[in-house]
PDB file of N, CA and C in Angstrom:
ATOM      1  N   MET A   1     126.441  75.034 125.191  1.00  0.00           N
ATOM      2  CA  MET A   1     125.930  76.055 124.290  1.00  0.00           C
ATOM      3  C   MET A   1     124.507  75.656 123.876  1.00  0.00           C
ATOM      4  N   ASN A   2     123.551  76.558 124.071  1.00  0.00           N
ATOM      5  CA  ASN A   2     122.163  76.249 123.708  1.00  0.00           C
ATOM      6  C   ASN A   2     121.897  76.555 122.238  1.00  0.00           C
ATOM      7  N   LYS A   3     120.674  76.254 121.804  1.00  0.00           N
ATOM      8  CA  LYS A   3     120.319  76.415 120.391  1.00  0.00           C
ATOM      9  C   LYS A   3     120.430  77.861 119.928  1.00  0.00           C
ATOM     10  N   ALA A   4     119.985  78.788 120.765  1.00  0.00           N
ATOM     11  CA  ALA A   4     120.043  80.207 120.387  1.00  0.00           C
ATOM     12  C   ALA A   4     121.492  80.655 120.191  1.00  0.00           C
ATOM     13  N   ASP A   5     122.384  80.193 121.063  1.00  0.00           N
ATOM     14  CA  ASP A   5     123.808  80.532 120.924  1.00  0.00           C
ATOM     15  C   ASP A   5     124.384  79.991 119.621  1.00  0.00           C
ATOM     16  N   LYS A   6     123.995  78.758 119.285  1.00  0.00           N
ATOM     17  CA  LYS A   6     124.490  78.144 118.053  1.00  0.00           C
ATOM     18  C   LYS A   6     124.007  78.916 116.824  1.00  0.00           C
ATOM     19  N   ILE A   7     122.744  79.323 116.857  1.00  0.00           N
ATOM     20  CA  ILE A   7     122.191  80.079 115.721  1.00  0.00           C
ATOM     21  C   ILE A   7     122.870  81.439 115.617  1.00  0.00           C
ATOM     22  N   ALA A   8     123.065  82.105 116.748  1.00  0.00           N
ATOM     23  CA  ALA A   8     123.743  83.409 116.748  1.00  0.00           C
ATOM     24  C   ALA A   8     125.163  83.275 116.211  1.00  0.00           C
ATOM     25  N   LYS A   9     125.845  82.211 116.616  1.00  0.00           N
ATOM     26  CA  LYS A   9     127.202  81.977 116.125  1.00  0.00           C
ATOM     27  C   LYS A   9     127.187  81.773 114.613  1.00  0.00           C
ATOM     28  N   GLN A  10     126.186  81.062 114.128  1.00  0.00           N
ATOM     29  CA  GLN A  10     126.078  80.820 112.690  1.00  0.00           C
ATOM     30  C   GLN A  10     125.791  82.124 111.941  1.00  0.00           C
ATOM     31  N   VAL A  11     124.914  82.974 112.480  1.00  0.00           N
ATOM     32  CA  VAL A  11     124.628  84.274 111.853  1.00  0.00           C
ATOM     33  C   VAL A  11     125.892  85.124 111.836  1.00  0.00           C
ATOM     34  N   ASN A  12     126.629  85.128 112.936  1.00  0.00           N
ATOM     35  CA  ASN A  12     127.888  85.882 112.993  1.00  0.00           C
ATOM     36  C   ASN A  12     128.867  85.397 111.931  1.00  0.00           C
ATOM     37  N   LYS A  13     128.952  84.076 111.780  1.00  0.00           N
ATOM     38  CA  LYS A  13     129.886  83.504 110.811  1.00  0.00           C
ATOM     39  C   LYS A  13     129.470  83.855 109.382  1.00  0.00           C
ATOM     40  N   LEU A  14     128.182  83.708 109.070  1.00  0.00           N
ATOM     41  CA  LEU A  14     127.700  83.988 107.719  1.00  0.00           C
ATOM     42  C   LEU A  14     127.829  85.470 107.352  1.00  0.00           C
ATOM     43  N   SER A  15     127.495  86.330 108.303  1.00  0.00           N
ATOM     44  CA  SER A  15     127.490  87.768 108.025  1.00  0.00           C
ATOM     45  C   SER A  15     128.860  88.414 108.185  1.00  0.00           C
ATOM     46  N   GLY A  16     129.712  87.779 108.966  1.00  0.00           N
ATOM     47  CA  GLY A  16     131.036  88.357 109.211  1.00  0.00           C
ATOM     48  C   GLY A  16     131.018  89.498 110.200  1.00  0.00           C
ATOM     49  N   ILE A  17     129.937  89.611 110.963  1.00  0.00           N
ATOM     50  CA  ILE A  17     129.837  90.673 111.969  1.00  0.00           C
ATOM     51  C   ILE A  17     129.363  90.082 113.292  1.00  0.00           C
ATOM     52  N   ASN A  18     129.454  90.876 114.342  1.00  0.00           N
ATOM     53  CA  ASN A  18     128.995  90.457 115.666  1.00  0.00           C
ATOM     54  C   ASN A  18     127.610  91.051 115.910  1.00  0.00           C
ATOM     55  N   VAL A  19     126.588  90.201 115.974  1.00  0.00           N
ATOM     56  CA  VAL A  19     125.218  90.695 116.165  1.00  0.00           C
ATOM     57  C   VAL A  19     125.013  91.292 117.550  1.00  0.00           C
ATOM     58  N   PHE A  20     125.918  91.017 118.481  1.00  0.00           N
ATOM     59  CA  PHE A  20     125.784  91.532 119.845  1.00  0.00           C
ATOM     60  C   PHE A  20     126.513  92.852 120.056  1.00  0.00           C
ATOM     61  N   GLU A  21     127.134  93.365 119.012  1.00  0.00           N
ATOM     62  CA  GLU A  21     127.812  94.650 119.102  1.00  0.00           C
ATOM     63  C   GLU A  21     126.765  95.762 119.222  1.00  0.00           C
ATOM     64  N   ASN A  22     126.957  96.672 120.158  1.00  0.00           N
ATOM     65  CA  ASN A  22     126.022  97.780 120.354  1.00  0.00           C
ATOM     66  C   ASN A  22     126.270  98.855 119.300  1.00  0.00           C
ATOM     67  N   THR A  23     125.695  98.656 118.128  1.00  0.00           N
ATOM     68  CA  THR A  23     125.827  99.602 117.031  1.00  0.00           C
ATOM     69  C   THR A  23     124.544  99.623 116.228  1.00  0.00           C
ATOM     70  N   ARG A  24     124.339 100.700 115.508  1.00  0.00           N
ATOM     71  CA  ARG A  24     123.167 100.831 114.649  1.00  0.00           C
ATOM     72  C   ARG A  24     123.528 100.762 113.173  1.00  0.00           C
ATOM     73  N   LYS A  25     124.652 100.187 112.874  1.00  0.00           N
ATOM     74  CA  LYS A  25     125.047 100.031 111.470  1.00  0.00           C
ATOM     75  C   LYS A  25     124.036  99.125 110.778  1.00  0.00           C
ATOM     76  N   ARG A  26     123.750  99.436 109.531  1.00  0.00           N
ATOM     77  CA  ARG A  26     122.747  98.701 108.760  1.00  0.00           C
ATOM     78  C   ARG A  26     123.029  97.205 108.737  1.00  0.00           C
ATOM     79  N   GLU A  27     124.289  96.844 108.523  1.00  0.00           N
ATOM     80  CA  GLU A  27     124.652  95.429 108.432  1.00  0.00           C
ATOM     81  C   GLU A  27     124.317  94.675 109.719  1.00  0.00           C
ATOM     82  N   ASN A  28     124.590  95.308 110.856  1.00  0.00           N
ATOM     83  CA  ASN A  28     124.297  94.684 112.144  1.00  0.00           C
ATOM     84  C   ASN A  28     122.796  94.579 112.378  1.00  0.00           C
ATOM     85  N   ILE A  29     122.077  95.614 112.017  1.00  0.00           N
ATOM     86  CA  ILE A  29     120.623  95.610 112.198  1.00  0.00           C
ATOM     87  C   ILE A  29     119.992  94.499 111.367  1.00  0.00           C
ATOM     88  N   GLU A  30     120.434  94.354 110.126  1.00  0.00           N
ATOM     89  CA  GLU A  30     119.881  93.316 109.258  1.00  0.00           C
ATOM     90  C   GLU A  30     120.226  91.917 109.776  1.00  0.00           C
ATOM     91  N   ALA A  31     121.437  91.728 110.246  1.00  0.00           N
ATOM     92  CA  ALA A  31     121.837  90.420 110.785  1.00  0.00           C
ATOM     93  C   ALA A  31     121.044  90.102 112.055  1.00  0.00           C
ATOM     94  N   ARG A  32     120.833  91.107 112.908  1.00  0.00           N
ATOM     95  CA  ARG A  32     120.019  90.892 114.110  1.00  0.00           C
ATOM     96  C   ARG A  32     118.578  90.572 113.739  1.00  0.00           C
ATOM     97  N   SER A  33     118.081  91.203 112.694  1.00  0.00           N
ATOM     98  CA  SER A  33     116.726  90.928 112.233  1.00  0.00           C
ATOM     99  C   SER A  33     116.595  89.477 111.775  1.00  0.00           C
ATOM    100  N   LEU A  34     117.609  88.992 111.079  1.00  0.00           N
ATOM    101  CA  LEU A  34     117.632  87.590 110.666  1.00  0.00           C
ATOM    102  C   LEU A  34     117.644  86.677 111.889  1.00  0.00           C
ATOM    103  N   LEU A  35     118.510  86.964 112.840  1.00  0.00           N
ATOM    104  CA  LEU A  35     118.593  86.164 114.063  1.00  0.00           C
ATOM    105  C   LEU A  35     117.252  86.172 114.800  1.00  0.00           C
ATOM    106  N   ASN A  36     116.649  87.342 114.926  1.00  0.00           N
ATOM    107  CA  ASN A  36     115.366  87.447 115.612  1.00  0.00           C
ATOM    108  C   ASN A  36     114.285  86.634 114.900  1.00  0.00           C
ATOM    109  N   THR A  37     114.284  86.677 113.584  1.00  0.00           N
ATOM    110  CA  THR A  37     113.294  85.932 112.804  1.00  0.00           C
ATOM    111  C   THR A  37     113.447  84.435 113.036  1.00  0.00           C
ATOM    112  N   VAL A  38     114.664  83.954 113.008  1.00  0.00           N
ATOM    113  CA  VAL A  38     114.889  82.520 113.226  1.00  0.00           C
ATOM    114  C   VAL A  38     114.492  82.120 114.643  1.00  0.00           C
ATOM    115  N   LEU A  39     114.897  82.916 115.626  1.00  0.00           N
ATOM    116  CA  LEU A  39     114.577  82.575 117.010  1.00  0.00           C
ATOM    117  C   LEU A  39     113.080  82.636 117.287  1.00  0.00           C
ATOM    118  N   TYR A  40     112.407  83.605 116.696  1.00  0.00           N
ATOM    119  CA  TYR A  40     110.983  83.793 116.967  1.00  0.00           C
ATOM    120  C   TYR A  40     110.109  82.832 116.154  1.00  0.00           C
ATOM    121  N   LYS A  41     110.341  82.764 114.866  1.00  0.00           N
ATOM    122  CA  LYS A  41     109.456  81.981 114.000  1.00  0.00           C
ATOM    123  C   LYS A  41     109.794  80.501 113.957  1.00  0.00           C
ATOM    124  N   TYR A  42     111.055  80.157 114.092  1.00  0.00           N
ATOM    125  CA  TYR A  42     111.465  78.766 113.936  1.00  0.00           C
ATOM    126  C   TYR A  42     111.776  78.082 115.259  1.00  0.00           C
ATOM    127  N   LYS A  43     112.281  78.839 116.215  1.00  0.00           N
ATOM    128  CA  LYS A  43     112.581  78.262 117.526  1.00  0.00           C
ATOM    129  C   LYS A  43     111.520  78.622 118.573  1.00  0.00           C
ATOM    130  N   LYS A  44     110.539  79.404 118.173  1.00  0.00           N
ATOM    131  CA  LYS A  44     109.386  79.741 119.009  1.00  0.00           C
ATOM    132  C   LYS A  44     109.768  80.380 120.348  1.00  0.00           C
ATOM    133  N   MET A  45     110.812  81.203 120.313  1.00  0.00           N
ATOM    134  CA  MET A  45     111.171  81.975 121.504  1.00  0.00           C
ATOM    135  C   MET A  45     110.276  83.196 121.570  1.00  0.00           C
ATOM    136  N   SER A  46     109.922  83.623 122.760  1.00  0.00           N
ATOM    137  CA  SER A  46     109.096  84.820 122.921  1.00  0.00           C
ATOM    138  C   SER A  46     109.966  86.065 122.747  1.00  0.00           C
ATOM    139  N   LEU A  47     109.310  87.207 122.568  1.00  0.00           N
ATOM    140  CA  LEU A  47     110.047  88.468 122.425  1.00  0.00           C
ATOM    141  C   LEU A  47     110.888  88.730 123.666  1.00  0.00           C
ATOM    142  N   SER A  48     110.333  88.448 124.826  1.00  0.00           N
ATOM    143  CA  SER A  48     111.048  88.656 126.076  1.00  0.00           C
ATOM    144  C   SER A  48     112.249  87.717 126.205  1.00  0.00           C
ATOM    145  N   GLN A  49     112.102  86.481 125.761  1.00  0.00           N
ATOM    146  CA  GLN A  49     113.227  85.542 125.803  1.00  0.00           C
ATOM    147  C   GLN A  49     114.344  85.990 124.874  1.00  0.00           C
ATOM    148  N   ILE A  50     113.982  86.494 123.700  1.00  0.00           N
ATOM    149  CA  ILE A  50     114.993  86.988 122.758  1.00  0.00           C
ATOM    150  C   ILE A  50     115.699  88.199 123.347  1.00  0.00           C
ATOM    151  N   LYS A  51     114.923  89.106 123.948  1.00  0.00           N
ATOM    152  CA  LYS A  51     115.511  90.283 124.609  1.00  0.00           C
ATOM    153  C   LYS A  51     116.505  89.849 125.679  1.00  0.00           C
ATOM    154  N   ASP A  52     116.106  88.891 126.512  1.00  0.00           N
ATOM    155  CA  ASP A  52     116.988  88.395 127.567  1.00  0.00           C
ATOM    156  C   ASP A  52     118.243  87.750 126.987  1.00  0.00           C
ATOM    157  N   PHE A  53     118.093  87.070 125.871  1.00  0.00           N
ATOM    158  CA  PHE A  53     119.233  86.444 125.200  1.00  0.00           C
ATOM    159  C   PHE A  53     120.258  87.503 124.785  1.00  0.00           C
ATOM    160  N   TYR A  54     119.778  88.616 124.230  1.00  0.00           N
ATOM    161  CA  TYR A  54     120.690  89.695 123.847  1.00  0.00           C
ATOM    162  C   TYR A  54     121.384  90.285 125.071  1.00  0.00           C
ATOM    163  N   ILE A  55     120.628  90.511 126.117  1.00  0.00           N
ATOM    164  CA  ILE A  55     121.198  91.096 127.332  1.00  0.00           C
ATOM    165  C   ILE A  55     122.261  90.172 127.924  1.00  0.00           C
ATOM    166  N   GLN A  56     122.012  88.862 127.923  1.00  0.00           N
ATOM    167  CA  GLN A  56     122.992  87.886 128.426  1.00  0.00           C
ATOM    168  C   GLN A  56     124.296  87.938 127.627  1.00  0.00           C
ATOM    169  N   ASN A  57     124.199  88.360 126.383  1.00  0.00           N
ATOM    170  CA  ASN A  57     125.381  88.425 125.520  1.00  0.00           C
ATOM    171  C   ASN A  57     125.946  89.838 125.395  1.00  0.00           C
ATOM    172  N   GLY A  58     125.532  90.732 126.284  1.00  0.00           N
ATOM    173  CA  GLY A  58     126.122  92.066 126.351  1.00  0.00           C
ATOM    174  C   GLY A  58     125.526  93.096 125.416  1.00  0.00           C
ATOM    175  N   LYS A  59     124.403  92.797 124.793  1.00  0.00           N
ATOM    176  CA  LYS A  59     123.745  93.729 123.869  1.00  0.00           C
ATOM    177  C   LYS A  59     122.515  94.305 124.563  1.00  0.00           C
ATOM    178  N   SER A  60     122.426  95.617 124.636  1.00  0.00           N
ATOM    179  CA  SER A  60     121.236  96.222 125.211  1.00  0.00           C
ATOM    180  C   SER A  60     120.055  95.952 124.277  1.00  0.00           C
ATOM    181  N   SER A  61     118.901  95.667 124.869  1.00  0.00           N
ATOM    182  CA  SER A  61     117.742  95.321 124.059  1.00  0.00           C
ATOM    183  C   SER A  61     116.467  95.507 124.855  1.00  0.00           C
ATOM    184  N   HIS A  62     115.369  95.525 124.139  1.00  0.00           N
ATOM    185  CA  HIS A  62     114.041  95.625 124.720  1.00  0.00           C
ATOM    186  C   HIS A  62     113.115  94.798 123.843  1.00  0.00           C
ATOM    187  N   HIS A  63     112.039  94.267 124.403  1.00  0.00           N
ATOM    188  CA  HIS A  63     111.172  93.412 123.592  1.00  0.00           C
ATOM    189  C   HIS A  63     110.558  94.163 122.413  1.00  0.00           C
ATOM    190  N   THR A  64     110.352  95.471 122.550  1.00  0.00           N
ATOM    191  CA  THR A  64     109.808  96.232 121.421  1.00  0.00           C
ATOM    192  C   THR A  64     110.847  96.403 120.305  1.00  0.00           C
ATOM    193  N   THR A  65     112.119  96.419 120.675  1.00  0.00           N
ATOM    194  CA  THR A  65     113.182  96.468 119.678  1.00  0.00           C
ATOM    195  C   THR A  65     113.177  95.181 118.857  1.00  0.00           C
ATOM    196  N   VAL A  66     112.988  94.062 119.533  1.00  0.00           N
ATOM    197  CA  VAL A  66     112.921  92.768 118.848  1.00  0.00           C
ATOM    198  C   VAL A  66     111.707  92.743 117.918  1.00  0.00           C
ATOM    199  N   LEU A  67     110.571  93.222 118.394  1.00  0.00           N
ATOM    200  CA  LEU A  67     109.351  93.255 117.583  1.00  0.00           C
ATOM    201  C   LEU A  67     109.545  94.122 116.340  1.00  0.00           C
ATOM    202  N   HIS A  68     110.146  95.284 116.503  1.00  0.00           N
ATOM    203  CA  HIS A  68     110.419  96.180 115.376  1.00  0.00           C
ATOM    204  C   HIS A  68     111.333  95.484 114.353  1.00  0.00           C
ATOM    205  N   SER A  69     112.327  94.784 114.849  1.00  0.00           N
ATOM    206  CA  SER A  69     113.253  94.058 113.988  1.00  0.00           C
ATOM    207  C   SER A  69     112.531  92.969 113.202  1.00  0.00           C
ATOM    208  N   LEU A  70     111.633  92.247 113.850  1.00  0.00           N
ATOM    209  CA  LEU A  70     110.864  91.196 113.179  1.00  0.00           C
ATOM    210  C   LEU A  70     109.979  91.771 112.082  1.00  0.00           C
ATOM    211  N   ARG A  71     109.352  92.881 112.374  1.00  0.00           N
ATOM    212  CA  ARG A  71     108.448  93.506 111.399  1.00  0.00           C
ATOM    213  C   ARG A  71     109.192  94.045 110.184  1.00  0.00           C
ATOM    214  N   ASN A  72     110.453  94.384 110.369  1.00  0.00           N
ATOM    215  CA  ASN A  72     111.233  94.953 109.265  1.00  0.00           C
ATOM    216  C   ASN A  72     112.026  93.924 108.473  1.00  0.00           C
ATOM    217  N   PHE A  73     112.020  92.671 108.887  1.00  0.00           N
ATOM    218  CA  PHE A  73     112.789  91.656 108.170  1.00  0.00           C
ATOM    219  C   PHE A  73     112.374  91.567 106.704  1.00  0.00           C
ATOM    220  N   ASP A  74     111.085  91.637 106.412  1.00  0.00           N
ATOM    221  CA  ASP A  74     110.620  91.561 105.027  1.00  0.00           C
ATOM    222  C   ASP A  74     111.189  92.692 104.178  1.00  0.00           C
ATOM    223  N   ILE A  75     111.312  93.855 104.751  1.00  0.00           N
ATOM    224  CA  ILE A  75     111.895  94.996 104.028  1.00  0.00           C
ATOM    225  C   ILE A  75     113.391  94.771 103.817  1.00  0.00           C
ATOM    226  N   PHE A  76     114.075  94.348 104.871  1.00  0.00           N
ATOM    227  CA  PHE A  76     115.516  94.122 104.779  1.00  0.00           C
ATOM    228  C   PHE A  76     115.849  93.080 103.723  1.00  0.00           C
ATOM    229  N   LYS A  77     115.092  91.984 103.677  1.00  0.00           N
ATOM    230  CA  LYS A  77     115.414  90.902 102.733  1.00  0.00           C
ATOM    231  C   LYS A  77     115.192  91.325 101.286  1.00  0.00           C
ATOM    232  N   ASN A  78     114.331  92.324 101.059  1.00  0.00           N
ATOM    233  CA  ASN A  78     114.131  92.815  99.695  1.00  0.00           C
ATOM    234  C   ASN A  78     115.334  93.601  99.186  1.00  0.00           C
ATOM    235  N   TYR A  79     116.072  94.219 100.074  1.00  0.00           N
ATOM    236  CA  TYR A  79     117.214  95.026  99.690  1.00  0.00           C
ATOM    237  C   TYR A  79     118.553  94.323  99.892  1.00  0.00           C
ATOM    238  N   ASN A  80     118.558  93.280 100.699  1.00  0.00           N
ATOM    239  CA  ASN A  80     119.781  92.524 100.944  1.00  0.00           C
ATOM    240  C   ASN A  80     119.486  91.053 100.662  1.00  0.00           C
ATOM    241  N   THR A  81     119.800  90.609  99.460  1.00  0.00           N
ATOM    242  CA  THR A  81     119.473  89.240  99.046  1.00  0.00           C
ATOM    243  C   THR A  81     120.271  88.201  99.824  1.00  0.00           C
ATOM    244  N   GLU A  82     121.373  88.587 100.429  1.00  0.00           N
ATOM    245  CA  GLU A  82     122.138  87.646 101.237  1.00  0.00           C
ATOM    246  C   GLU A  82     121.331  87.133 102.425  1.00  0.00           C
ATOM    247  N   LEU A  83     120.411  87.935 102.933  1.00  0.00           N
ATOM    248  CA  LEU A  83     119.617  87.518 104.081  1.00  0.00           C
ATOM    249  C   LEU A  83     118.841  86.236 103.796  1.00  0.00           C
ATOM    250  N   MET A  84     118.279  86.128 102.601  1.00  0.00           N
ATOM    251  CA  MET A  84     117.538  84.918 102.244  1.00  0.00           C
ATOM    252  C   MET A  84     118.483  83.723 102.102  1.00  0.00           C
ATOM    253  N   GLU A  85     119.657  83.967 101.564  1.00  0.00           N
ATOM    254  CA  GLU A  85     120.647  82.895 101.457  1.00  0.00           C
ATOM    255  C   GLU A  85     121.052  82.411 102.849  1.00  0.00           C
ATOM    256  N   TRP A  86     121.275  83.347 103.755  1.00  0.00           N
ATOM    257  CA  TRP A  86     121.653  82.999 105.118  1.00  0.00           C
ATOM    258  C   TRP A  86     120.510  82.277 105.834  1.00  0.00           C
ATOM    259  N   LEU A  87     119.282  82.756 105.625  1.00  0.00           N
ATOM    260  CA  LEU A  87     118.120  82.113 106.239  1.00  0.00           C
ATOM    261  C   LEU A  87     117.999  80.671 105.767  1.00  0.00           C
ATOM    262  N   THR A  88     118.182  80.452 104.478  1.00  0.00           N
ATOM    263  CA  THR A  88     118.120  79.096 103.926  1.00  0.00           C
ATOM    264  C   THR A  88     119.217  78.231 104.522  1.00  0.00           C
ATOM    265  N   CYS A  89     120.401  78.776 104.635  1.00  0.00           N
ATOM    266  CA  CYS A  89     121.532  78.038 105.196  1.00  0.00           C
ATOM    267  C   CYS A  89     121.258  77.660 106.652  1.00  0.00           C
ATOM    268  N   ILE A  90     120.753  78.576 107.425  1.00  0.00           N
ATOM    269  CA  ILE A  90     120.492  78.328 108.845  1.00  0.00           C
ATOM    270  C   ILE A  90     119.357  77.332 109.026  1.00  0.00           C
ATOM    271  N   THR A  91     118.274  77.519 108.293  1.00  0.00           N
ATOM    272  CA  THR A  91     117.116  76.645 108.476  1.00  0.00           C
ATOM    273  C   THR A  91     117.343  75.253 107.891  1.00  0.00           C
ATOM    274  N   SER A  92     118.209  75.135 106.900  1.00  0.00           N
ATOM    275  CA  SER A  92     118.492  73.800 106.351  1.00  0.00           C
ATOM    276  C   SER A  92     119.252  72.954 107.357  1.00  0.00           C
ATOM    277  N   ASP A  93     119.945  73.589 108.287  1.00  0.00           N
ATOM    278  CA  ASP A  93     120.681  72.867 109.325  1.00  0.00           C
ATOM    279  C   ASP A  93     119.782  72.424 110.481  1.00  0.00           C
ATOM    280  N   MET A  94     118.581  72.947 110.527  1.00  0.00           N
ATOM    281  CA  MET A  94     117.661  72.590 111.608  1.00  0.00           C
ATOM    282  C   MET A  94     116.954  71.292 111.255  1.00  0.00           C
ATOM    283  N   THR A  95     117.389  70.224 111.869  1.00  0.00           N
ATOM    284  CA  THR A  95     116.819  68.923 111.530  1.00  0.00           C
ATOM    285  C   THR A  95     115.461  68.694 112.179  1.00  0.00           C
ATOM    286  N   LYS A  96     115.215  69.343 113.280  1.00  0.00           N
ATOM    287  CA  LYS A  96     113.960  69.122 113.991  1.00  0.00           C
ATOM    288  C   LYS A  96     113.046  70.343 113.883  1.00  0.00           C
ATOM    289  N   ILE A  97     112.829  70.803 112.677  1.00  0.00           N
ATOM    290  CA  ILE A  97     111.967  71.950 112.438  1.00  0.00           C
ATOM    291  C   ILE A  97     110.535  71.433 112.274  1.00  0.00           C
ATOM    292  N   ASN A  98     109.594  72.044 112.983  1.00  0.00           N
ATOM    293  CA  ASN A  98     108.211  71.551 112.928  1.00  0.00           C
ATOM    294  C   ASN A  98     107.480  72.092 111.702  1.00  0.00           C
ATOM    295  N   ASN A  99     106.294  71.569 111.457  1.00  0.00           N
ATOM    296  CA  ASN A  99     105.540  71.936 110.257  1.00  0.00           C
ATOM    297  C   ASN A  99     105.155  73.415 110.241  1.00  0.00           C
ATOM    298  N   GLN A 100     104.819  73.977 111.392  1.00  0.00           N
ATOM    299  CA  GLN A 100     104.470  75.398 111.440  1.00  0.00           C
ATOM    300  C   GLN A 100     105.671  76.250 111.029  1.00  0.00           C
ATOM    301  N   ALA A 101     106.835  75.887 111.493  1.00  0.00           N
ATOM    302  CA  ALA A 101     108.046  76.617 111.115  1.00  0.00           C
ATOM    303  C   ALA A 101     108.332  76.461 109.625  1.00  0.00           C
ATOM    304  N   LYS A 102     108.065  75.275 109.081  1.00  0.00           N
ATOM    305  CA  LYS A 102     108.247  75.066 107.646  1.00  0.00           C
ATOM    306  C   LYS A 102     107.296  75.955 106.851  1.00  0.00           C
ATOM    307  N   ARG A 103     106.074  76.114 107.336  1.00  0.00           N
ATOM    308  CA  ARG A 103     105.114  77.005 106.669  1.00  0.00           C
ATOM    309  C   ARG A 103     105.620  78.446 106.666  1.00  0.00           C
ATOM    310  N   GLU A 104     106.192  78.871 107.780  1.00  0.00           N
ATOM    311  CA  GLU A 104     106.743  80.230 107.869  1.00  0.00           C
ATOM    312  C   GLU A 104     107.868  80.420 106.863  1.00  0.00           C
ATOM    313  N   LEU A 105     108.720  79.423 106.720  1.00  0.00           N
ATOM    314  CA  LEU A 105     109.822  79.513 105.765  1.00  0.00           C
ATOM    315  C   LEU A 105     109.296  79.605 104.341  1.00  0.00           C
ATOM    316  N   ILE A 106     108.270  78.825 104.027  1.00  0.00           N
ATOM    317  CA  ILE A 106     107.677  78.874 102.684  1.00  0.00           C
ATOM    318  C   ILE A 106     107.066  80.242 102.413  1.00  0.00           C
ATOM    319  N   LYS A 107     106.398  80.826 103.409  1.00  0.00           N
ATOM    320  CA  LYS A 107     105.802  82.157 103.241  1.00  0.00           C
ATOM    321  C   LYS A 107     106.878  83.189 102.892  1.00  0.00           C
ATOM    322  N   ILE A 108     108.012  83.079 103.531  1.00  0.00           N
ATOM    323  CA  ILE A 108     109.098  84.024 103.278  1.00  0.00           C
ATOM    324  C   ILE A 108     109.679  83.822 101.881  1.00  0.00           C
ATOM    325  N   LYS A 109     109.840  82.569 101.475  1.00  0.00           N
ATOM    326  CA  LYS A 109     110.489  82.259 100.203  1.00  0.00           C
ATOM    327  C   LYS A 109     109.568  82.417  98.996  1.00  0.00           C
ATOM    328  N   ILE A 110     108.266  82.445  99.196  1.00  0.00           N
ATOM    329  CA  ILE A 110     107.309  82.442  98.082  1.00  0.00           C
ATOM    330  C   ILE A 110     107.514  83.630  97.138  1.00  0.00           C
ATOM    331  N   ASN A 111     107.908  84.763  97.657  1.00  0.00           N
ATOM    332  CA  ASN A 111     108.087  85.950  96.822  1.00  0.00           C
ATOM    333  C   ASN A 111     109.327  85.880  95.932  1.00  0.00           C
ATOM    334  N   PHE A 112     110.173  84.888  96.160  1.00  0.00           N
ATOM    335  CA  PHE A 112     111.389  84.759  95.375  1.00  0.00           C
ATOM    336  C   PHE A 112     111.272  83.710  94.277  1.00  0.00           C
ATOM    337  N   ILE A 113     110.092  83.120  94.130  1.00  0.00           N
ATOM    338  CA  ILE A 113     109.872  82.133  93.076  1.00  0.00           C
ATOM    339  C   ILE A 113     109.727  82.876  91.749  1.00  0.00           C
ATOM    340  N   SER A 114     110.377  82.364  90.715  1.00  0.00           N
ATOM    341  CA  SER A 114     110.314  83.017  89.406  1.00  0.00           C
ATOM    342  C   SER A 114     108.919  82.872  88.804  1.00  0.00           C
ATOM    343  N   ASN A 115     108.577  83.756  87.880  1.00  0.00           N
ATOM    344  CA  ASN A 115     107.280  83.702  87.215  1.00  0.00           C
ATOM    345  C   ASN A 115     107.088  82.394  86.462  1.00  0.00           C
ATOM    346  N   LYS A 116     108.160  81.903  85.876  1.00  0.00           N
ATOM    347  CA  LYS A 116     108.090  80.625  85.155  1.00  0.00           C
ATOM    348  C   LYS A 116     107.706  79.494  86.110  1.00  0.00           C
ATOM    349  N   ASP A 117     108.327  79.467  87.273  1.00  0.00           N
ATOM    350  CA  ASP A 117     108.021  78.428  88.243  1.00  0.00           C
ATOM    351  C   ASP A 117     106.592  78.546  88.768  1.00  0.00           C
ATOM    352  N   VAL A 118     106.135  79.771  88.984  1.00  0.00           N
ATOM    353  CA  VAL A 118     104.755  79.985  89.427  1.00  0.00           C
ATOM    354  C   VAL A 118     103.789  79.437  88.401  1.00  0.00           C
ATOM    355  N   TYR A 119     104.065  79.706  87.125  1.00  0.00           N
ATOM    356  CA  TYR A 119     103.222  79.216  86.041  1.00  0.00           C
ATOM    357  C   TYR A 119     103.178  77.687  86.045  1.00  0.00           C
ATOM    358  N   GLU A 120     104.342  77.050  86.190  1.00  0.00           N
ATOM    359  CA  GLU A 120     104.412  75.585  86.175  1.00  0.00           C
ATOM    360  C   GLU A 120     103.695  74.986  87.383  1.00  0.00           C
ATOM    361  N   ILE A 121     103.826  75.591  88.532  1.00  0.00           N
ATOM    362  CA  ILE A 121     103.162  75.092  89.731  1.00  0.00           C
ATOM    363  C   ILE A 121     101.665  75.230  89.634  1.00  0.00           C
ATOM    364  N   ALA A 122     101.199  76.318  89.020  1.00  0.00           N
ATOM    365  CA  ALA A 122      99.770  76.598  88.910  1.00  0.00           C
ATOM    366  C   ALA A 122      99.062  75.644  87.968  1.00  0.00           C
ATOM    367  N   LEU A 123      99.767  75.039  87.044  1.00  0.00           N
ATOM    368  CA  LEU A 123      99.137  74.124  86.081  1.00  0.00           C
ATOM    369  C   LEU A 123      98.901  72.764  86.638  1.00  0.00           C
TER     370      LEU A 123
END
């Protein structure tokens, strides 16, 4: 089992759904968006590699579908707070995460810092 399979299995377990199911249900779309974000930003897979990964697992996909999903992750996480919890859970398990990937994670989490914490950090 490769890294992408392990991450997909973890997303399936956390979300309680199958990300490879051919459906347009909101829950599946959001979980796939999370998976795409982790694979693209943290595992540095290309859009085409992610598309191929979905096809290998029986899910129809196209690289533009993956791109659309990546662009919408910020919107999804604002309405589904579980996505950030799942992202933290998945990325905390990645022991060999590089500095660029850590920067990406910080960029995503920065909007969830409380005003009090921002004030304390700024001083």
